[in-house]
Protein backbone atom coordinates (compact mmCIF):
# COMPACT_ATOMS: atom_id res chain seq x y z
CA MET A 1 -1.90 32.10 -86.12
CA ASP A 2 -0.58 33.32 -89.46
CA ASP A 3 -2.11 36.75 -88.83
CA ILE A 4 -0.35 36.97 -85.47
CA LEU A 5 3.00 35.97 -86.95
CA THR A 6 2.56 38.48 -89.77
CA TRP A 7 1.79 41.22 -87.26
CA ILE A 8 4.79 40.36 -85.07
CA SER A 9 7.03 40.26 -88.16
CA ARG A 10 5.78 43.69 -89.19
CA VAL A 11 6.40 45.08 -85.70
CA LEU A 12 9.93 43.66 -85.72
CA LYS A 13 10.64 45.01 -89.21
CA VAL A 14 9.50 48.52 -88.30
CA GLY A 15 11.46 48.32 -85.06
CA LEU A 16 14.65 47.34 -86.90
CA GLU A 17 14.17 50.05 -89.51
CA GLN A 18 13.68 52.70 -86.84
CA GLY A 19 16.56 51.49 -84.69
CA GLU A 20 14.31 50.42 -81.83
CA PHE A 21 15.40 46.79 -82.06
CA ASN A 22 18.81 45.29 -82.65
CA PHE A 23 18.93 41.64 -83.67
CA SER A 24 20.19 39.56 -86.54
CA GLY A 25 18.32 37.10 -88.71
CA SER A 26 15.01 37.35 -90.50
CA THR A 27 12.05 39.04 -88.90
CA GLU A 28 9.87 36.07 -89.85
CA ALA A 29 12.05 33.59 -87.96
CA ARG A 30 12.31 35.97 -85.00
CA ALA A 31 8.51 36.39 -84.98
CA GLU A 32 8.09 32.62 -84.74
CA LEU A 33 10.59 32.49 -81.88
CA VAL A 34 8.79 35.28 -80.00
CA ALA A 35 5.40 33.60 -80.44
CA GLU A 36 6.74 30.19 -79.42
CA ALA A 37 8.50 31.61 -76.38
CA LEU A 38 5.41 33.53 -75.25
CA MET A 39 3.11 30.55 -75.71
CA GLY A 40 5.45 28.27 -73.80
CA ALA A 41 6.07 30.84 -71.09
CA ARG A 42 2.33 31.33 -70.63
CA GLN A 43 1.81 27.59 -70.17
CA PHE A 44 4.77 27.26 -67.86
CA SER A 45 3.66 30.24 -65.78
CA SER A 46 0.34 28.52 -65.06
CA ILE A 47 2.40 25.94 -63.17
CA ARG A 48 5.29 28.04 -61.84
CA GLY A 49 3.60 31.40 -61.35
CA ARG A 50 3.48 34.83 -62.96
CA LYS A 51 7.15 35.57 -62.31
CA THR A 52 8.03 32.96 -64.93
CA LEU A 53 6.07 34.84 -67.60
CA VAL A 54 7.48 38.21 -66.56
CA ARG A 55 11.03 36.83 -66.69
CA SER A 56 10.43 35.33 -70.14
CA ILE A 57 9.07 38.62 -71.48
CA SER A 58 12.11 40.41 -70.08
CA LEU A 59 14.43 37.93 -71.82
CA ILE A 60 12.57 38.29 -75.12
CA LYS A 61 12.91 42.07 -74.90
CA SER A 62 16.60 41.75 -74.18
CA ASP A 63 17.08 39.29 -77.04
CA LEU A 64 15.44 41.75 -79.43
CA GLY A 65 17.68 44.58 -78.25
CA TRP A 66 14.49 46.43 -77.32
CA LYS A 67 14.84 50.11 -76.54
CA ALA A 68 12.25 51.64 -74.19
CA ASP A 69 8.96 53.13 -75.34
CA PHE A 70 8.81 51.32 -78.69
CA PHE A 71 5.21 50.28 -78.05
CA SER A 72 3.77 53.65 -77.24
CA PRO A 73 0.04 53.79 -78.10
CA ASN A 74 0.57 56.03 -81.14
CA ARG A 75 3.26 53.82 -82.64
CA TYR A 76 1.13 50.73 -82.03
CA LEU A 77 -1.69 52.25 -84.08
CA LEU A 78 0.69 53.07 -86.95
CA ILE A 79 2.04 49.53 -87.08
CA CYS A 80 -1.44 47.99 -87.11
CA LYS A 81 -2.54 49.91 -90.21
């Protein structure tokens, strides 16, 4: 789980630096929130249906101030290095 949180933190940091995200607070705390929300949404969607997960992902993106196309395949590869 630590590797996942580290990766999410790195993605958030790069996104903030490049102006793709707009949120306050530490990237580490935000990474934990994203992981927790996704894990909970996944569990909840198994009961309530896929729309629950899709809605949660949309809210997470909005909360991060996500601008479109941040996770293009090329950028994803750069972040993972």
